[in-house]
Amino acid sequence: MVKLRLKRCGRKQRAIYRIVAIDVRSRREGRDLRKVGFYDPIKNQTYLNVPAILYFLEKGAQPTETVHDIFKKAEFFKELKMNQNKNELK
């Protein structure tokens, strides 16, 4: 099973996190399948590669609670619903 979860990077006391698609059995800093974004809690910045995230979600990947909260804060699901509504109208 694949999960979308955080991978810690940066130095001590200045952590930044990559949002990665990774196998459930891998450890936190293990080898990821693909990087799909990053989150910097200090500067409160987020970058999301939306097409890559959608690809993994369609294949059945599950975001962790923290990643789900980051998506919610970035209004990712609102964009997703708007895109689905546009596709239904066509």
PDB file of N, CA and C in Angstrom:
ATOM      1  N   MET A   1       0.838  -1.184   0.000  1.00  0.00           N
ATOM      2  CA  MET A   1       0.000   0.000   0.000  1.00  0.00           C
ATOM      3  C   MET A   1       0.882   1.246   0.000  1.00  0.00           C
ATOM      4  N   VAL A   2       0.441   2.244  -0.724  1.00  0.00           N
ATOM      5  CA  VAL A   2       1.183   3.501  -0.835  1.00  0.00           C
ATOM      6  C   VAL A   2       0.500   4.562   0.014  1.00  0.00           C
ATOM      7  N   LYS A   3       1.312   5.359   0.685  1.00  0.00           N
ATOM      8  CA  LYS A   3       0.798   6.479   1.482  1.00  0.00           C
ATOM      9  C   LYS A   3       1.468   7.765   1.041  1.00  0.00           C
ATOM     10  N   LEU A   4       0.766   8.855   1.205  1.00  0.00           N
ATOM     11  CA  LEU A   4       1.342  10.188   1.043  1.00  0.00           C
ATOM     12  C   LEU A   4       1.677  10.664   2.444  1.00  0.00           C
ATOM     13  N   ARG A   5       2.958  10.836   2.713  1.00  0.00           N
ATOM     14  CA  ARG A   5       3.364  11.216   4.063  1.00  0.00           C
ATOM     15  C   ARG A   5       4.574  12.145   4.023  1.00  0.00           C
ATOM     16  N   LEU A   6       4.965  12.624   5.200  1.00  0.00           N
ATOM     17  CA  LEU A   6       6.059  13.582   5.311  1.00  0.00           C
ATOM     18  C   LEU A   6       7.394  12.879   5.468  1.00  0.00           C
ATOM     19  N   LYS A   7       8.407  13.461   4.841  1.00  0.00           N
ATOM     20  CA  LYS A   7       9.780  12.991   4.967  1.00  0.00           C
ATOM     21  C   LYS A   7      10.592  14.171   5.477  1.00  0.00           C
ATOM     22  N   ARG A   8      11.257  14.010   6.616  1.00  0.00           N
ATOM     23  CA  ARG A   8      11.958  15.118   7.266  1.00  0.00           C
ATOM     24  C   ARG A   8      13.270  15.421   6.562  1.00  0.00           C
ATOM     25  N   CYS A   9      13.510  16.720   6.330  1.00  0.00           N
ATOM     26  CA  CYS A   9      14.760  17.199   5.740  1.00  0.00           C
ATOM     27  C   CYS A   9      15.202  18.426   6.535  1.00  0.00           C
ATOM     28  N   GLY A  10      16.348  18.987   6.185  1.00  0.00           N
ATOM     29  CA  GLY A  10      16.830  20.178   6.862  1.00  0.00           C
ATOM     30  C   GLY A  10      17.739  19.832   8.020  1.00  0.00           C
ATOM     31  N   ARG A  11      18.128  20.858   8.743  1.00  0.00           N
ATOM     32  CA  ARG A  11      19.048  20.638   9.856  1.00  0.00           C
ATOM     33  C   ARG A  11      18.311  20.684  11.187  1.00  0.00           C
ATOM     34  N   LYS A  12      19.054  20.533  12.263  1.00  0.00           N
ATOM     35  CA  LYS A  12      18.447  20.540  13.592  1.00  0.00           C
ATOM     36  C   LYS A  12      17.725  21.863  13.841  1.00  0.00           C
ATOM     37  N   GLN A  13      16.575  21.764  14.441  1.00  0.00           N
ATOM     38  CA  GLN A  13      15.746  22.911  14.808  1.00  0.00           C
ATOM     39  C   GLN A  13      15.249  23.716  13.610  1.00  0.00           C
ATOM     40  N   ARG A  14      15.536  23.311  12.391  1.00  0.00           N
ATOM     41  CA  ARG A  14      15.102  24.018  11.172  1.00  0.00           C
ATOM     42  C   ARG A  14      14.552  23.007  10.171  1.00  0.00           C
ATOM     43  N   ALA A  15      13.673  22.155  10.623  1.00  0.00           N
ATOM     44  CA  ALA A  15      13.179  21.077   9.781  1.00  0.00           C
ATOM     45  C   ALA A  15      12.236  21.598   8.701  1.00  0.00           C
ATOM     46  N   ILE A  16      12.369  21.028   7.516  1.00  0.00           N
ATOM     47  CA  ILE A  16      11.363  21.179   6.474  1.00  0.00           C
ATOM     48  C   ILE A  16      10.970  19.761   6.083  1.00  0.00           C
ATOM     49  N   TYR A  17       9.834  19.621   5.492  1.00  0.00           N
ATOM     50  CA  TYR A  17       9.324  18.298   5.185  1.00  0.00           C
ATOM     51  C   TYR A  17       8.969  18.206   3.711  1.00  0.00           C
ATOM     52  N   ARG A  18       9.329  17.088   3.099  1.00  0.00           N
ATOM     53  CA  ARG A  18       8.886  16.782   1.751  1.00  0.00           C
ATOM     54  C   ARG A  18       7.639  15.928   1.876  1.00  0.00           C
ATOM     55  N   ILE A  19       6.681  16.181   1.017  1.00  0.00           N
ATOM     56  CA  ILE A  19       5.509  15.324   0.946  1.00  0.00           C
ATOM     57  C   ILE A  19       5.822  14.309  -0.148  1.00  0.00           C
ATOM     58  N   VAL A  20       5.839  13.037   0.217  1.00  0.00           N
ATOM     59  CA  VAL A  20       6.256  11.998  -0.714  1.00  0.00           C
ATOM     60  C   VAL A  20       5.233  10.868  -0.764  1.00  0.00           C
ATOM     61  N   ALA A  21       5.222  10.178  -1.894  1.00  0.00           N
ATOM     62  CA  ALA A  21       4.483   8.933  -2.024  1.00  0.00           C
ATOM     63  C   ALA A  21       5.476   7.832  -1.697  1.00  0.00           C
ATOM     64  N   ILE A  22       5.139   7.008  -0.715  1.00  0.00           N
ATOM     65  CA  ILE A  22       6.090   6.019  -0.224  1.00  0.00           C
ATOM     66  C   ILE A  22       5.338   4.756   0.200  1.00  0.00           C
ATOM     67  N   ASP A  23       6.013   3.627   0.101  1.00  0.00           N
ATOM     68  CA  ASP A  23       5.430   2.367   0.541  1.00  0.00           C
ATOM     69  C   ASP A  23       5.270   2.387   2.061  1.00  0.00           C
ATOM     70  N   VAL A  24       4.203   1.815   2.545  1.00  0.00           N
ATOM     71  CA  VAL A  24       3.877   1.848   3.974  1.00  0.00           C
ATOM     72  C   VAL A  24       4.984   1.205   4.816  1.00  0.00           C
ATOM     73  N   ARG A  25       5.632   0.193   4.277  1.00  0.00           N
ATOM     74  CA  ARG A  25       6.614  -0.556   5.056  1.00  0.00           C
ATOM     75  C   ARG A  25       7.953   0.161   5.171  1.00  0.00           C
ATOM     76  N   SER A  26       8.153   1.252   4.421  1.00  0.00           N
ATOM     77  CA  SER A  26       9.415   1.986   4.462  1.00  0.00           C
ATOM     78  C   SER A  26       9.462   2.874   5.694  1.00  0.00           C
ATOM     79  N   ARG A  27      10.673   3.153   6.164  1.00  0.00           N
ATOM     80  CA  ARG A  27      10.817   4.050   7.305  1.00  0.00           C
ATOM     81  C   ARG A  27      10.668   5.505   6.839  1.00  0.00           C
ATOM     82  N   ARG A  28      10.710   6.430   7.793  1.00  0.00           N
ATOM     83  CA  ARG A  28      10.437   7.842   7.498  1.00  0.00           C
ATOM     84  C   ARG A  28      11.404   8.412   6.463  1.00  0.00           C
ATOM     85  N   GLU A  29      12.685   8.116   6.576  1.00  0.00           N
ATOM     86  CA  GLU A  29      13.658   8.616   5.616  1.00  0.00           C
ATOM     87  C   GLU A  29      13.971   7.590   4.531  1.00  0.00           C
ATOM     88  N   GLY A  30      13.109   6.599   4.381  1.00  0.00           N
ATOM     89  CA  GLY A  30      13.334   5.551   3.390  1.00  0.00           C
ATOM     90  C   GLY A  30      13.173   6.072   1.966  1.00  0.00           C
ATOM     91  N   ARG A  31      13.373   5.173   1.017  1.00  0.00           N
ATOM     92  CA  ARG A  31      13.301   5.549  -0.391  1.00  0.00           C
ATOM     93  C   ARG A  31      11.848   5.790  -0.790  1.00  0.00           C
ATOM     94  N   ASP A  32      11.603   6.943  -1.380  1.00  0.00           N
ATOM     95  CA  ASP A  32      10.245   7.284  -1.780  1.00  0.00           C
ATOM     96  C   ASP A  32      10.019   6.941  -3.247  1.00  0.00           C
ATOM     97  N   LEU A  33       8.741   6.809  -3.613  1.00  0.00           N
ATOM     98  CA  LEU A  33       8.393   6.562  -5.005  1.00  0.00           C
ATOM     99  C   LEU A  33       8.474   7.847  -5.816  1.00  0.00           C
ATOM    100  N   ARG A  34       7.992   8.941  -5.216  1.00  0.00           N
ATOM    101  CA  ARG A  34       8.003  10.226  -5.903  1.00  0.00           C
ATOM    102  C   ARG A  34       7.777  11.348  -4.904  1.00  0.00           C
ATOM    103  N   LYS A  35       8.438  12.473  -5.141  1.00  0.00           N
ATOM    104  CA  LYS A  35       8.211  13.661  -4.327  1.00  0.00           C
ATOM    105  C   LYS A  35       7.032  14.419  -4.936  1.00  0.00           C
ATOM    106  N   VAL A  36       6.054  14.761  -4.120  1.00  0.00           N
ATOM    107  CA  VAL A  36       4.857  15.427  -4.641  1.00  0.00           C
ATOM    108  C   VAL A  36       4.639  16.806  -4.024  1.00  0.00           C
ATOM    109  N   GLY A  37       5.575  17.292  -3.213  1.00  0.00           N
ATOM    110  CA  GLY A  37       5.451  18.620  -2.647  1.00  0.00           C
ATOM    111  C   GLY A  37       6.371  18.791  -1.462  1.00  0.00           C
ATOM    112  N   PHE A  38       6.292  19.976  -0.844  1.00  0.00           N
ATOM    113  CA  PHE A  38       7.040  20.202   0.385  1.00  0.00           C
ATOM    114  C   PHE A  38       6.252  21.114   1.296  1.00  0.00           C
ATOM    115  N   TYR A  39       6.621  21.094   2.579  1.00  0.00           N
ATOM    116  CA  TYR A  39       5.974  21.896   3.596  1.00  0.00           C
ATOM    117  C   TYR A  39       7.046  22.447   4.522  1.00  0.00           C
ATOM    118  N   ASP A  40       7.049  23.762   4.694  1.00  0.00           N
ATOM    119  CA  ASP A  40       7.987  24.426   5.589  1.00  0.00           C
ATOM    120  C   ASP A  40       7.181  25.042   6.735  1.00  0.00           C
ATOM    121  N   PRO A  41       7.184  24.417   7.920  1.00  0.00           N
ATOM    122  CA  PRO A  41       6.373  24.938   9.019  1.00  0.00           C
ATOM    123  C   PRO A  41       6.902  26.245   9.592  1.00  0.00           C
ATOM    124  N   ILE A  42       8.179  26.544   9.409  1.00  0.00           N
ATOM    125  CA  ILE A  42       8.749  27.762   9.975  1.00  0.00           C
ATOM    126  C   ILE A  42       8.285  28.978   9.177  1.00  0.00           C
ATOM    127  N   LYS A  43       8.392  28.901   7.859  1.00  0.00           N
ATOM    128  CA  LYS A  43       7.949  29.991   6.990  1.00  0.00           C
ATOM    129  C   LYS A  43       6.485  29.847   6.592  1.00  0.00           C
ATOM    130  N   ASN A  44       5.879  28.737   6.979  1.00  0.00           N
ATOM    131  CA  ASN A  44       4.483  28.437   6.666  1.00  0.00           C
ATOM    132  C   ASN A  44       4.250  28.443   5.153  1.00  0.00           C
ATOM    133  N   GLN A  45       5.122  27.777   4.415  1.00  0.00           N
ATOM    134  CA  GLN A  45       5.002  27.668   2.967  1.00  0.00           C
ATOM    135  C   GLN A  45       4.672  26.233   2.585  1.00  0.00           C
ATOM    136  N   THR A  46       3.885  26.110   1.535  1.00  0.00           N
ATOM    137  CA  THR A  46       3.526  24.800   1.023  1.00  0.00           C
ATOM    138  C   THR A  46       3.573  24.833  -0.491  1.00  0.00           C
ATOM    139  N   TYR A  47       4.147  23.790  -1.085  1.00  0.00           N
ATOM    140  CA  TYR A  47       4.103  23.619  -2.525  1.00  0.00           C
ATOM    141  C   TYR A  47       3.554  22.232  -2.795  1.00  0.00           C
ATOM    142  N   LEU A  48       2.546  22.141  -3.661  1.00  0.00           N
ATOM    143  CA  LEU A  48       1.947  20.859  -3.992  1.00  0.00           C
ATOM    144  C   LEU A  48       1.982  20.651  -5.498  1.00  0.00           C
ATOM    145  N   ASN A  49       2.446  19.489  -5.930  1.00  0.00           N
ATOM    146  CA  ASN A  49       2.413  19.095  -7.328  1.00  0.00           C
ATOM    147  C   ASN A  49       1.071  18.395  -7.537  1.00  0.00           C
ATOM    148  N   VAL A  50       0.054  19.168  -7.912  1.00  0.00           N
ATOM    149  CA  VAL A  50      -1.323  18.678  -7.948  1.00  0.00           C
ATOM    150  C   VAL A  50      -1.498  17.481  -8.884  1.00  0.00           C
ATOM    151  N   PRO A  51      -0.981  17.510 -10.131  1.00  0.00           N
ATOM    152  CA  PRO A  51      -1.181  16.331 -10.986  1.00  0.00           C
ATOM    153  C   PRO A  51      -0.587  15.047 -10.399  1.00  0.00           C
ATOM    154  N   ALA A  52       0.570  15.143  -9.769  1.00  0.00           N
ATOM    155  CA  ALA A  52       1.188  13.961  -9.167  1.00  0.00           C
ATOM    156  C   ALA A  52       0.363  13.454  -7.984  1.00  0.00           C
ATOM    157  N   ILE A  53      -0.153  14.370  -7.172  1.00  0.00           N
ATOM    158  CA  ILE A  53      -0.972  13.979  -6.025  1.00  0.00           C
ATOM    159  C   ILE A  53      -2.253  13.302  -6.503  1.00  0.00           C
ATOM    160  N   LEU A  54      -2.893  13.882  -7.510  1.00  0.00           N
ATOM    161  CA  LEU A  54      -4.115  13.279  -8.045  1.00  0.00           C
ATOM    162  C   LEU A  54      -3.850  11.890  -8.600  1.00  0.00           C
ATOM    163  N   TYR A  55      -2.716  11.720  -9.268  1.00  0.00           N
ATOM    164  CA  TYR A  55      -2.363  10.412  -9.819  1.00  0.00           C
ATOM    165  C   TYR A  55      -2.297   9.360  -8.712  1.00  0.00           C
ATOM    166  N   PHE A  56      -1.610   9.672  -7.620  1.00  0.00           N
ATOM    167  CA  PHE A  56      -1.472   8.698  -6.544  1.00  0.00           C
ATOM    168  C   PHE A  56      -2.789   8.478  -5.800  1.00  0.00           C
ATOM    169  N   LEU A  57      -3.592   9.521  -5.645  1.00  0.00           N
ATOM    170  CA  LEU A  57      -4.882   9.346  -4.986  1.00  0.00           C
ATOM    171  C   LEU A  57      -5.806   8.470  -5.824  1.00  0.00           C
ATOM    172  N   GLU A  58      -5.761   8.619  -7.158  1.00  0.00           N
ATOM    173  CA  GLU A  58      -6.575   7.777  -8.032  1.00  0.00           C
ATOM    174  C   GLU A  58      -6.138   6.323  -7.982  1.00  0.00           C
ATOM    175  N   LYS A  59      -4.851   6.086  -7.744  1.00  0.00           N
ATOM    176  CA  LYS A  59      -4.324   4.720  -7.661  1.00  0.00           C
ATOM    177  C   LYS A  59      -4.571   4.097  -6.292  1.00  0.00           C
ATOM    178  N   GLY A  60      -5.132   4.852  -5.357  1.00  0.00           N
ATOM    179  CA  GLY A  60      -5.494   4.287  -4.059  1.00  0.00           C
ATOM    180  C   GLY A  60      -4.590   4.683  -2.912  1.00  0.00           C
ATOM    181  N   ALA A  61      -3.692   5.617  -3.110  1.00  0.00           N
ATOM    182  CA  ALA A  61      -2.818   6.059  -2.023  1.00  0.00           C
ATOM    183  C   ALA A  61      -3.637   6.802  -0.973  1.00  0.00           C
ATOM    184  N   GLN A  62      -3.251   6.637   0.283  1.00  0.00           N
ATOM    185  CA  GLN A  62      -3.946   7.285   1.389  1.00  0.00           C
ATOM    186  C   GLN A  62      -3.030   8.315   2.034  1.00  0.00           C
ATOM    187  N   PRO A  63      -3.484   9.562   2.185  1.00  0.00           N
ATOM    188  CA  PRO A  63      -2.657  10.537   2.905  1.00  0.00           C
ATOM    189  C   PRO A  63      -2.732  10.291   4.409  1.00  0.00           C
ATOM    190  N   THR A  64      -1.633  10.579   5.104  1.00  0.00           N
ATOM    191  CA  THR A  64      -1.656  10.492   6.557  1.00  0.00           C
ATOM    192  C   THR A  64      -2.490  11.657   7.088  1.00  0.00           C
ATOM    193  N   GLU A  65      -2.785  11.650   8.373  1.00  0.00           N
ATOM    194  CA  GLU A  65      -3.604  12.717   8.959  1.00  0.00           C
ATOM    195  C   GLU A  65      -2.935  14.077   8.787  1.00  0.00           C
ATOM    196  N   THR A  66      -1.627  14.135   9.009  1.00  0.00           N
ATOM    197  CA  THR A  66      -0.906  15.401   8.901  1.00  0.00           C
ATOM    198  C   THR A  66      -0.936  15.919   7.472  1.00  0.00           C
ATOM    199  N   VAL A  67      -0.688  15.044   6.517  1.00  0.00           N
ATOM    200  CA  VAL A  67      -0.707  15.452   5.111  1.00  0.00           C
ATOM    201  C   VAL A  67      -2.122  15.860   4.707  1.00  0.00           C
ATOM    202  N   HIS A  68      -3.115  15.149   5.208  1.00  0.00           N
ATOM    203  CA  HIS A  68      -4.508  15.505   4.925  1.00  0.00           C
ATOM    204  C   HIS A  68      -4.808  16.910   5.441  1.00  0.00           C
ATOM    205  N   ASP A  69      -4.316  17.237   6.640  1.00  0.00           N
ATOM    206  CA  ASP A  69      -4.512  18.576   7.199  1.00  0.00           C
ATOM    207  C   ASP A  69      -3.799  19.637   6.358  1.00  0.00           C
ATOM    208  N   ILE A  70      -2.608  19.318   5.842  1.00  0.00           N
ATOM    209  CA  ILE A  70      -1.883  20.251   4.969  1.00  0.00           C
ATOM    210  C   ILE A  70      -2.670  20.483   3.690  1.00  0.00           C
ATOM    211  N   PHE A  71      -3.226  19.413   3.118  1.00  0.00           N
ATOM    212  CA  PHE A  71      -4.047  19.543   1.907  1.00  0.00           C
ATOM    213  C   PHE A  71      -5.273  20.410   2.181  1.00  0.00           C
ATOM    214  N   LYS A  72      -5.883  20.192   3.336  1.00  0.00           N
ATOM    215  CA  LYS A  72      -7.080  20.955   3.690  1.00  0.00           C
ATOM    216  C   LYS A  72      -6.750  22.436   3.858  1.00  0.00           C
ATOM    217  N   LYS A  73      -5.615  22.717   4.500  1.00  0.00           N
ATOM    218  CA  LYS A  73      -5.184  24.090   4.727  1.00  0.00           C
ATOM    219  C   LYS A  73      -4.856  24.791   3.406  1.00  0.00           C
ATOM    220  N   ALA A  74      -4.326  24.043   2.436  1.00  0.00           N
ATOM    221  CA  ALA A  74      -3.983  24.593   1.130  1.00  0.00           C
ATOM    222  C   ALA A  74      -5.189  24.599   0.184  1.00  0.00           C
ATOM    223  N   GLU A  75      -6.358  24.190   0.688  1.00  0.00           N
ATOM    224  CA  GLU A  75      -7.601  24.143  -0.078  1.00  0.00           C
ATOM    225  C   GLU A  75      -7.474  23.258  -1.313  1.00  0.00           C
ATOM    226  N   PHE A  76      -6.750  22.170  -1.168  1.00  0.00           N
ATOM    227  CA  PHE A  76      -6.556  21.214  -2.256  1.00  0.00           C
ATOM    228  C   PHE A  76      -7.861  20.541  -2.636  1.00  0.00           C
ATOM    229  N   PHE A  77      -8.683  20.197  -1.642  1.00  0.00           N
ATOM    230  CA  PHE A  77      -9.916  19.467  -1.913  1.00  0.00           C
ATOM    231  C   PHE A  77     -10.968  20.347  -2.577  1.00  0.00           C
ATOM    232  N   LYS A  78     -10.939  21.662  -2.316  1.00  0.00           N
ATOM    233  CA  LYS A  78     -11.852  22.571  -3.007  1.00  0.00           C
ATOM    234  C   LYS A  78     -11.524  22.607  -4.493  1.00  0.00           C
ATOM    235  N   GLU A  79     -10.227  22.667  -4.811  1.00  0.00           N
ATOM    236  CA  GLU A  79      -9.802  22.655  -6.210  1.00  0.00           C
ATOM    237  C   GLU A  79     -10.198  21.343  -6.871  1.00  0.00           C
ATOM    238  N   LEU A  80     -10.062  20.264  -6.134  1.00  0.00           N
ATOM    239  CA  LEU A  80     -10.402  18.950  -6.657  1.00  0.00           C
ATOM    240  C   LEU A  80     -11.888  18.874  -6.990  1.00  0.00           C
ATOM    241  N   LYS A  81     -12.745  19.376  -6.104  1.00  0.00           N
ATOM    242  CA  LYS A  81     -14.187  19.367  -6.359  1.00  0.00           C
ATOM    243  C   LYS A  81     -14.540  20.253  -7.540  1.00  0.00           C
ATOM    244  N   MET A  82     -13.882  21.412  -7.660  1.00  0.00           N
ATOM    245  CA  MET A  82     -14.161  22.296  -8.794  1.00  0.00           C
ATOM    246  C   MET A  82     -13.781  21.624 -10.105  1.00  0.00           C
ATOM    247  N   ASN A  83     -12.655  20.922 -10.133  1.00  0.00           N
ATOM    248  CA  ASN A  83     -12.227  20.219 -11.338  1.00  0.00           C
ATOM    249  C   ASN A  83     -13.191  19.091 -11.690  1.00  0.00           C
ATOM    250  N   GLN A  84     -13.703  18.390 -10.687  1.00  0.00           N
ATOM    251  CA  GLN A  84     -14.659  17.314 -10.937  1.00  0.00           C
ATOM    252  C   GLN A  84     -15.962  17.874 -11.485  1.00  0.00           C
ATOM    253  N   ASN A  85     -16.417  19.029 -10.960  1.00  0.00           N
ATOM    254  CA  ASN A  85     -17.649  19.649 -11.451  1.00  0.00           C
ATOM    255  C   ASN A  85     -17.483  20.091 -12.899  1.00  0.00           C
ATOM    256  N   LYS A  86     -16.321  20.638 -13.255  1.00  0.00           N
ATOM    257  CA  LYS A  86     -16.080  21.050 -14.629  1.00  0.00           C
ATOM    258  C   LYS A  86     -16.096  19.856 -15.572  1.00  0.00           C
ATOM    259  N   ASN A  87     -15.528  18.739 -15.126  1.00  0.00           N
ATOM    260  CA  ASN A  87     -15.512  17.535 -15.963  1.00  0.00           C
ATOM    261  C   ASN A  87     -16.891  16.962 -16.148  1.00  0.00           C
ATOM    262  N   GLU A  88     -17.752  17.074 -15.143  1.00  0.00           N
ATOM    263  CA  GLU A  88     -19.122  16.561 -15.239  1.00  0.00           C
ATOM    264  C   GLU A  88     -19.945  17.402 -16.208  1.00  0.00           C
ATOM    265  N   LEU A  89     -19.674  18.706 -16.281  1.00  0.00           N
ATOM    266  CA  LEU A  89     -20.431  19.574 -17.169  1.00  0.00           C
ATOM    267  C   LEU A  89     -20.100  19.337 -18.648  1.00  0.00           C
ATOM    268  N   LYS A  90     -18.930  18.809 -18.909  1.00  0.00           N
ATOM    269  CA  LYS A  90     -18.528  18.596 -20.303  1.00  0.00           C
ATOM    270  C   LYS A  90     -19.222  17.427 -20.936  1.00  0.00           C
TER     271      LYS A  90
END
